[in-house]
Protein backbone atom coordinates (compact mmCIF):
# COMPACT_ATOMS: atom_id res chain seq x y z
CA UNK A 1 0.00 0.00 0.00
CA UNK A 2 1.29 3.45 -0.97
CA UNK A 3 0.02 6.41 1.05
CA UNK A 4 0.41 9.64 -0.93
CA UNK A 5 0.71 12.91 1.01
CA UNK A 6 -0.19 15.68 -1.44
CA UNK A 7 -1.58 18.28 0.95
CA UNK A 8 -0.10 20.37 3.76
CA UNK A 9 2.39 19.31 6.41
CA UNK A 10 -0.29 19.47 9.08
CA UNK A 11 -2.58 17.25 7.00
CA UNK A 12 0.09 14.57 6.76
CA UNK A 13 0.79 14.78 10.49
CA UNK A 14 -2.90 14.55 11.35
CA UNK A 15 -3.83 11.59 9.15
CA UNK A 16 -0.65 9.50 9.30
CA UNK A 17 -2.27 8.11 12.47
CA UNK A 18 -4.08 5.68 10.15
CA UNK A 19 -0.88 3.93 9.06
CA UNK A 20 -1.11 1.25 11.80
CA UNK A 21 -4.68 0.45 10.70
CA UNK A 22 -3.51 0.11 7.10
CA UNK A 23 -0.63 -2.10 8.22
CA UNK A 24 -3.05 -4.64 9.73
CA UNK A 25 -4.05 -5.75 6.23
CA UNK A 26 -1.16 -4.57 4.03
CA UNK A 27 2.05 -6.55 3.61
CA UNK A 28 3.97 -3.27 3.43
CA UNK A 29 3.05 0.38 3.98
CA UNK A 30 5.02 2.97 2.02
CA UNK A 31 4.47 6.65 2.77
CA UNK A 32 5.29 9.12 -0.01
CA UNK A 33 5.46 12.41 1.87
CA UNK A 34 6.98 15.87 2.06
CA UNK A 35 10.79 15.67 2.38
CA UNK A 36 10.76 17.88 5.49
CA UNK A 37 8.74 15.23 7.32
CA UNK A 38 11.00 12.29 6.46
CA UNK A 39 12.86 12.12 9.81
CA UNK A 40 9.56 12.13 11.73
CA UNK A 41 7.84 9.53 9.56
CA UNK A 42 10.68 7.05 9.28
CA UNK A 43 9.98 4.48 11.93
CA UNK A 44 6.54 5.89 12.79
CA UNK A 45 4.01 3.22 13.81
CA UNK A 46 2.68 1.34 10.79
CA UNK A 47 5.19 2.88 8.35
CA UNK A 48 7.59 0.41 6.72
CA UNK A 49 9.19 2.91 4.35
CA UNK A 50 9.04 6.68 3.92
CA UNK A 51 9.99 8.18 0.57
CA UNK A 52 10.38 11.89 -0.27
CA UNK A 53 7.58 13.32 -2.37
CA UNK A 54 8.51 14.85 -5.75
CA UNK A 55 7.08 15.50 -9.19
CA UNK A 56 6.75 12.24 -11.05
CA UNK A 57 6.22 8.70 -9.84
CA UNK A 58 7.44 7.14 -6.57
CA UNK A 59 10.45 4.82 -6.79
CA UNK A 60 8.57 1.91 -5.29
CA UNK A 61 6.40 -1.01 -6.31
CA UNK A 62 2.93 -1.12 -4.83
CA UNK A 63 -0.46 -2.70 -5.46
CA UNK A 64 -2.84 -0.07 -4.11
CA UNK A 65 -2.44 3.63 -3.39
CA UNK A 66 -4.49 6.14 -1.44
CA UNK A 67 -4.19 9.81 -0.53
CA UNK A 68 -3.58 10.32 3.18
CA UNK A 69 -6.67 12.51 3.64
CA UNK A 70 -8.85 9.78 2.12
CA UNK A 71 -8.01 7.37 4.94
CA UNK A 72 -10.79 8.52 7.33
CA UNK A 73 -13.33 7.74 4.59
CA UNK A 74 -11.70 4.43 3.73
CA UNK A 75 -12.11 3.35 7.34
CA UNK A 76 -15.61 4.89 7.57
CA UNK A 77 -14.48 6.96 10.53
CA UNK A 78 -16.99 8.52 12.91
CA UNK A 79 -16.33 10.84 15.83
CA UNK A 80 -16.45 7.81 18.10
CA UNK A 81 -13.99 5.72 16.06
CA UNK A 82 -11.25 8.29 15.37
CA UNK A 83 -7.90 6.65 16.22
CA UNK A 84 -6.90 9.29 18.76
CA UNK A 85 -4.38 7.64 21.04
CA UNK A 86 -1.42 10.00 21.49
CA UNK A 87 1.43 10.35 21.11
CA UNK A 88 1.64 8.59 17.76
CA UNK A 89 4.76 10.52 16.77
CA UNK A 90 7.83 10.87 18.98
CA UNK A 91 10.82 13.18 19.33
CA UNK A 92 13.70 13.52 21.79
CA UNK A 93 13.48 16.33 24.32
CA UNK A 94 15.84 19.28 24.19
CA UNK A 95 17.32 21.37 26.98
CA UNK A 96 15.56 24.72 27.24
CA UNK A 97 16.56 27.74 29.25
CA UNK A 98 13.99 29.52 31.33
CA UNK A 99 11.76 28.57 34.22
CA UNK A 100 8.53 26.66 33.95
CA UNK A 101 5.90 26.93 32.72
CA UNK A 102 7.45 26.99 29.25
CA UNK A 103 5.07 28.03 26.51
CA UNK A 104 5.61 27.89 22.76
CA UNK A 105 3.69 30.19 20.44
CA UNK A 106 3.01 30.21 16.68
CA UNK A 107 1.06 33.00 15.02
CA UNK A 108 1.84 32.97 11.30
CA UNK A 109 0.53 30.35 8.86
CA UNK A 110 2.28 29.13 5.74
CA UNK A 111 1.45 30.23 2.23
CA UNK A 112 -1.56 27.91 1.97
CA UNK A 113 -3.99 30.13 3.88
CA UNK A 114 -2.93 33.48 5.33
CA UNK A 115 -6.38 33.99 6.86
CA UNK A 116 -5.39 31.66 9.70
CA UNK A 117 -2.55 33.94 10.77
CA UNK A 118 -2.74 36.36 13.68
CA UNK A 119 -0.89 39.69 13.53
CA UNK A 120 2.05 39.56 15.90
CA UNK A 121 0.89 42.82 17.46
CA UNK A 122 -2.34 41.10 18.58
CA UNK A 123 -0.29 38.72 20.72
CA UNK A 124 1.60 41.41 22.60
CA UNK A 125 -0.96 41.52 25.46
CA UNK A 126 -0.08 37.89 26.22
CA UNK A 127 3.64 38.52 26.23
CA UNK A 128 3.31 41.78 28.17
CA UNK A 129 0.98 40.39 30.83
CA UNK A 130 2.46 36.96 31.50
CA UNK A 131 6.08 36.62 32.58
CA UNK A 132 6.31 33.03 31.38
CA UNK A 133 9.17 31.40 29.49
CA UNK A 134 8.01 32.05 25.91
CA UNK A 135 9.43 30.31 22.83
CA UNK A 136 8.60 31.25 19.21
CA UNK A 137 7.74 28.25 17.04
CA UNK A 138 8.02 30.02 13.68
CA UNK A 139 10.30 29.05 10.81
CA UNK A 140 12.10 32.38 10.53
CA UNK A 141 10.73 35.69 11.75
CA UNK A 142 10.85 39.26 10.42
CA UNK A 143 12.77 41.66 12.62
CA UNK A 144 9.59 43.42 13.74
CA UNK A 145 8.17 40.18 15.17
CA UNK A 146 10.25 40.37 18.30
CA UNK A 147 9.63 40.73 22.01
CA UNK A 148 12.05 40.77 24.91
CA UNK A 149 10.26 37.80 26.50
CA UNK A 150 10.67 35.57 23.45
CA UNK A 151 13.59 33.20 24.02
CA UNK A 152 15.83 32.51 21.06
CA UNK A 153 15.47 28.88 19.96
CA UNK A 154 16.44 26.84 16.90
CA UNK A 155 13.35 25.60 15.04
CA UNK A 156 14.74 25.55 11.51
CA UNK A 157 13.81 21.91 10.87
CA UNK A 158 10.64 20.03 11.76
CA UNK A 159 12.63 17.52 13.78
CA UNK A 160 14.17 20.33 15.80
CA UNK A 161 10.74 21.93 16.20
CA UNK A 162 9.35 18.61 17.48
CA UNK A 163 12.18 18.34 20.02
CA UNK A 164 11.37 21.82 21.31
CA UNK A 165 7.64 21.11 21.48
CA UNK A 166 8.00 17.95 23.59
CA UNK A 167 10.08 19.99 26.05
CA UNK A 168 7.31 22.57 26.55
CA UNK A 169 4.47 22.65 29.04
CA UNK A 170 2.05 24.23 26.57
CA UNK A 171 1.82 25.28 22.92
CA UNK A 172 -0.40 28.13 21.73
CA UNK A 173 -0.80 28.00 17.97
CA UNK A 174 -2.98 29.11 15.12
CA UNK A 175 -4.50 26.43 12.88
CA UNK A 176 -1.21 25.38 11.33
CA UNK A 177 1.39 22.63 11.36
CA UNK A 178 2.73 23.31 14.92
CA UNK A 179 -0.76 22.69 16.32
CA UNK A 180 -1.00 19.30 14.60
CA UNK A 181 2.55 18.39 15.57
CA UNK A 182 1.88 19.25 19.22
CA UNK A 183 -1.27 17.16 19.23
CA UNK A 184 0.45 14.21 17.56
CA UNK A 185 3.25 14.40 20.14
CA UNK A 186 0.72 14.43 22.99
CA UNK A 187 1.69 17.92 24.20
CA UNK A 188 -1.00 20.28 25.61
CA UNK A 189 -1.91 22.71 22.83
CA UNK A 190 -4.36 25.59 22.60
CA UNK A 191 -5.40 26.14 18.99
CA UNK A 192 -6.71 29.51 17.85
CA UNK A 193 -9.39 29.16 15.18
CA UNK A 194 -10.92 31.83 12.96
CA UNK A 195 -14.70 32.20 13.11
CA UNK A 196 -15.00 30.26 9.83
CA UNK A 197 -12.88 27.33 10.97
CA UNK A 198 -11.83 24.36 8.84
CA UNK A 199 -14.15 21.32 8.75
CA UNK A 200 -11.87 19.15 10.90
CA UNK A 201 -12.51 21.29 13.97
CA UNK A 202 -16.27 20.87 13.64
CA UNK A 203 -18.54 23.51 15.21
CA UNK A 204 -19.23 24.73 18.73
CA UNK A 205 -16.55 22.53 20.33
CA UNK A 206 -13.81 23.58 22.71
CA UNK A 207 -12.05 20.24 22.37
CA UNK A 208 -10.97 18.10 19.41
CA UNK A 209 -11.73 14.39 19.04
CA UNK A 210 -8.59 14.20 16.88
CA UNK A 211 -6.23 15.35 19.63
CA UNK A 212 -7.03 14.61 23.30
CA UNK A 213 -4.52 17.22 24.54
CA UNK A 214 -5.95 20.04 22.44
CA UNK A 215 -8.20 22.90 23.52
CA UNK A 216 -9.88 25.12 20.93
CA UNK A 217 -10.26 28.90 21.18
CA UNK A 218 -12.54 30.27 18.47
CA UNK A 219 -12.69 33.87 17.26
CA UNK A 220 -16.13 35.32 17.84
CA UNK A 221 -15.93 39.00 16.96
CA UNK A 222 -14.41 39.04 13.49
CA UNK A 223 -11.05 39.72 15.12
CA UNK A 224 -8.84 38.19 17.73
CA UNK A 225 -9.05 40.59 20.68
CA UNK A 226 -11.66 38.72 22.74
CA UNK A 227 -10.03 35.37 21.95
CA UNK A 228 -6.64 36.64 23.10
CA UNK A 229 -8.25 37.95 26.27
CA UNK A 230 -9.76 34.53 27.01
CA UNK A 231 -6.40 32.88 26.48
CA UNK A 232 -4.75 35.43 28.72
CA UNK A 233 -7.21 34.61 31.50
CA UNK A 234 -6.70 30.87 30.95
CA UNK A 235 -2.94 31.30 31.33
CA UNK A 236 -3.50 32.46 34.89
CA UNK A 237 -4.69 28.93 35.68
CA UNK A 238 -1.43 27.28 34.62
CA UNK A 239 0.32 25.48 37.48
């Protein structure tokens, strides 16, 4: 069985959870995925081989292929039958400076959908109010996206990002790859959703059946101010 991963990084991370189910009936499971994910997927449960995605055909023999986002339909998944045991991906921890609680934050989406991003300036009330150990989880940041409470950290590869995430007490992220990665690693994550959220987050839920460690914060006013205020209040409850 060949599992093709043609969508976003977060999509691959979310739905690769089905590989063990595929492996129950397939003699071999080959995952053809984004090159940046190779180190995470190699050796993941249910994955026999991981090959880097490229234009053209995969260098592998297979009998059946399926796109990774088609797997929930193939298994006739319902809310009750989502395979949601976490973590289903693993990473080594890394040594972080700063006292606990340690909180990672991601505010800018990739090129796929800029509407999921939050202006960095909207997050300043969190950084100004809470003297936590903050860590940016962005792949590169413009000079203006800086705050004195943001600790410098290397997140230039997804493997390095995963190692940072498993060393944190909490991740706060927009609907983007770091949110999925945190959930797959079993790390507590608060995901900020626009008012018109993607289908996978359903409606009127503050939790996600896909990720047991995830809490959802939805925008309600066409902007992010009230959502950021609710998150700020919730941070006061951290141990």
